[in-house]
Amino acid sequence: MLSIRPATANDILRITDIYNDAILNTTATFDTETKTVEERMQWFLNHDEKHPVIVAEIDSKVIGFASLSKWSDRCAYDGTAEVSVYIDRNHRGKGVGKRMVEVIALEGERAGLTNLISRITEGNLSSIHIHEQLGFEHIGVMKKAGKKFDRFLDVHLMQKLINN
């Protein structure tokens, strides 16, 4: 059975594995170099109560993670956070990602955020569909925003207003 809980430092190895697989095999992230456990631990420590990291588990094994990250270091953006979700390749397409977006959005609402932003790489129709189902709206497309696997990729921007 799927359970979702706050991430802990003990989850970093598994979070790193899932993220590195996404780096090497998907366009879900524009990182192109794998991360060390130490780098992911620093990433984790940069999150706070307003910008949580959560994990999804089945049978006590972490199968995905989601986070809210600062959109900008400028103070006027304090109410805005970026949503990120990564699911283990063996558990994609089973509703885990949708549940993770639901829960992380609720965490953002509890933290008093007013605005959630997602950047979704072209071709990731399932992620776009999930975000639409959960009340995110399309706000634009950044053309040729990044280059990965020897091709330029557009990025869809989606936004959900909360606590208004």
Protein backbone atom coordinates (compact mmCIF):
# COMPACT_ATOMS: atom_id res chain seq x y z
CA MET A 1 0.00 0.00 0.00
CA LEU A 2 1.21 3.49 -0.88
CA SER A 3 2.14 5.81 1.96
CA ILE A 4 3.48 9.35 1.80
CA ARG A 5 5.50 10.96 4.56
CA PRO A 6 8.06 13.73 5.14
CA ALA A 7 11.51 12.80 3.86
CA THR A 8 14.37 12.29 6.30
CA ALA A 9 18.13 12.21 5.91
CA ASN A 10 17.84 8.40 5.85
CA ASP A 11 16.01 8.68 2.50
CA ILE A 12 18.78 10.53 0.69
CA LEU A 13 20.44 7.46 -0.84
CA ARG A 14 17.17 6.34 -2.42
CA ILE A 15 16.28 9.91 -3.47
CA THR A 16 19.69 10.16 -5.13
CA ASP A 17 19.17 6.88 -6.99
CA ILE A 18 15.76 7.94 -8.30
CA TYR A 19 17.02 11.38 -9.31
CA ASN A 20 20.14 10.05 -11.02
CA ASP A 21 18.03 7.66 -13.07
CA ALA A 22 15.93 10.65 -14.18
CA ILE A 23 19.10 12.55 -15.10
CA LEU A 24 20.46 9.71 -17.20
CA ASN A 25 17.26 8.50 -18.84
CA THR A 26 14.63 11.24 -18.97
CA THR A 27 14.09 14.87 -19.81
CA ALA A 28 12.19 15.43 -16.55
CA THR A 29 15.26 17.27 -15.24
CA PHE A 30 17.72 19.39 -17.15
CA ASP A 31 20.55 18.24 -14.93
CA THR A 32 22.96 16.31 -17.14
CA GLU A 33 25.51 15.12 -14.57
CA THR A 34 24.58 12.66 -11.86
CA LYS A 35 24.61 13.82 -8.25
CA THR A 36 26.48 12.38 -5.31
CA VAL A 37 24.72 11.49 -2.07
CA GLU A 38 26.53 14.42 -0.48
CA GLU A 39 25.17 16.83 -3.12
CA ARG A 40 21.63 15.54 -2.63
CA MET A 41 22.04 15.85 1.14
CA GLN A 42 22.97 19.53 0.68
CA TRP A 43 19.90 19.93 -1.56
CA PHE A 44 17.77 18.31 1.16
CA LEU A 45 19.21 20.54 3.89
CA ASN A 46 18.34 23.63 1.83
CA HIS A 47 14.65 22.79 2.25
CA ASP A 48 12.62 23.96 5.22
CA GLU A 49 9.09 23.85 6.64
CA LYS A 50 7.86 26.14 3.88
CA HIS A 51 9.69 24.08 1.23
CA PRO A 52 9.28 20.43 2.26
CA VAL A 53 10.49 17.20 0.71
CA ILE A 54 8.18 14.19 0.88
CA VAL A 55 8.61 10.57 -0.14
CA ALA A 56 6.24 7.86 -1.33
CA GLU A 57 6.76 4.34 -0.05
CA ILE A 58 5.44 0.90 -0.82
CA ASP A 59 6.37 -1.86 1.63
CA SER A 60 8.78 0.53 3.38
CA LYS A 61 10.74 1.17 0.15
CA VAL A 62 10.95 4.74 -1.18
CA ILE A 63 9.58 4.77 -4.74
CA GLY A 64 9.36 8.50 -5.34
CA PHE A 65 9.86 11.95 -3.92
CA ALA A 66 8.46 15.42 -4.35
CA SER A 67 9.61 18.80 -3.15
CA LEU A 68 8.76 22.45 -3.03
CA SER A 69 11.73 24.69 -3.75
CA LYS A 70 12.17 28.44 -3.57
CA TRP A 71 11.26 30.04 -6.88
CA SER A 72 13.69 32.88 -6.28
CA ASP A 73 15.91 34.26 -3.54
CA ARG A 74 14.22 37.67 -3.90
CA CYS A 75 11.94 38.33 -0.92
CA ALA A 76 8.93 39.36 -3.01
CA TYR A 77 8.72 35.77 -4.28
CA ASP A 78 8.47 34.22 -0.80
CA GLY A 79 4.93 33.00 -1.46
CA THR A 80 5.93 31.14 -4.64
CA ALA A 81 7.49 27.69 -4.83
CA GLU A 82 8.39 25.27 -7.58
CA VAL A 83 6.98 21.74 -7.54
CA SER A 84 9.26 18.82 -8.43
CA VAL A 85 8.23 15.16 -8.56
CA TYR A 86 10.34 12.10 -9.45
CA ILE A 87 9.07 8.52 -9.45
CA ASP A 88 11.09 5.31 -9.67
CA ARG A 89 10.92 3.96 -13.22
CA ASN A 90 9.15 0.78 -12.07
CA HIS A 91 6.32 2.73 -10.46
CA ARG A 92 5.51 5.34 -13.10
CA GLY A 93 2.05 5.34 -14.64
CA LYS A 94 0.43 3.89 -11.51
CA GLY A 95 -0.98 7.04 -9.93
CA VAL A 96 1.97 7.69 -7.62
CA GLY A 97 2.94 10.95 -9.34
CA LYS A 98 -0.58 12.33 -9.14
CA ARG A 99 -0.81 11.51 -5.45
CA MET A 100 2.59 13.12 -4.83
CA VAL A 101 1.54 16.36 -6.59
CA GLU A 102 -1.68 16.38 -4.54
CA VAL A 103 0.16 15.98 -1.25
CA ILE A 104 2.97 18.44 -1.99
CA ALA A 105 0.37 21.04 -3.07
CA LEU A 106 -1.44 20.54 0.26
CA GLU A 107 1.88 20.97 2.06
CA GLY A 108 2.38 24.25 0.21
CA GLU A 109 -1.08 25.40 1.21
CA ARG A 110 -0.41 24.49 4.87
CA ALA A 111 2.88 26.41 4.69
CA GLY A 112 1.00 29.53 3.60
CA LEU A 113 2.30 29.66 0.04
CA THR A 114 0.14 31.47 -2.50
CA ASN A 115 1.55 30.22 -5.76
CA LEU A 116 2.91 26.90 -7.05
CA ILE A 117 4.83 26.68 -10.32
CA SER A 118 5.74 23.57 -12.32
CA ARG A 119 8.11 23.43 -15.26
CA ILE A 120 7.28 20.41 -17.42
CA THR A 121 9.42 19.39 -20.37
CA GLU A 122 7.70 18.91 -23.72
CA GLY A 123 6.54 15.38 -24.35
CA ASN A 124 5.65 14.69 -20.71
CA LEU A 125 1.92 14.60 -21.43
CA SER A 126 1.09 12.55 -18.34
CA SER A 127 2.61 15.19 -16.05
CA ILE A 128 0.78 17.97 -17.86
CA HIS A 129 -2.48 16.00 -17.54
CA ILE A 130 -1.93 15.37 -13.81
CA HIS A 131 -1.28 19.06 -13.19
CA GLU A 132 -4.41 20.03 -15.15
CA GLN A 133 -6.49 17.57 -13.10
CA LEU A 134 -5.18 19.14 -9.90
CA GLY A 135 -6.03 22.73 -10.83
CA PHE A 136 -2.79 23.94 -12.39
CA GLU A 137 -3.21 26.24 -15.38
CA HIS A 138 -0.96 26.71 -18.40
CA ILE A 139 0.80 30.06 -18.22
CA GLY A 140 3.25 29.73 -21.08
CA VAL A 141 5.90 27.81 -22.94
CA MET A 142 9.59 28.57 -22.86
CA LYS A 143 10.81 27.66 -26.35
CA LYS A 144 14.08 25.74 -26.60
CA ALA A 145 14.64 26.32 -22.88
CA GLY A 146 17.21 23.57 -22.56
CA LYS A 147 19.22 21.04 -24.52
CA LYS A 148 19.39 17.41 -23.46
CA PHE A 149 20.12 14.23 -25.40
CA ASP A 150 21.31 16.39 -28.32
CA ARG A 151 18.02 18.20 -28.85
CA PHE A 152 16.49 21.47 -27.76
CA LEU A 153 13.39 21.12 -25.60
CA ASP A 154 10.49 23.42 -24.80
CA VAL A 155 9.30 23.75 -21.21
CA HIS A 156 5.65 24.22 -20.28
CA LEU A 157 4.97 26.48 -17.31
CA MET A 158 1.98 25.63 -15.15
CA GLN A 159 0.69 27.52 -12.11
CA LYS A 160 -1.70 26.90 -9.25
CA LEU A 161 -2.88 29.75 -7.06
CA ILE A 162 -3.59 28.77 -3.44
CA ASN A 163 -4.48 30.58 -0.21
CA ASN A 164 -6.10 33.48 -2.06
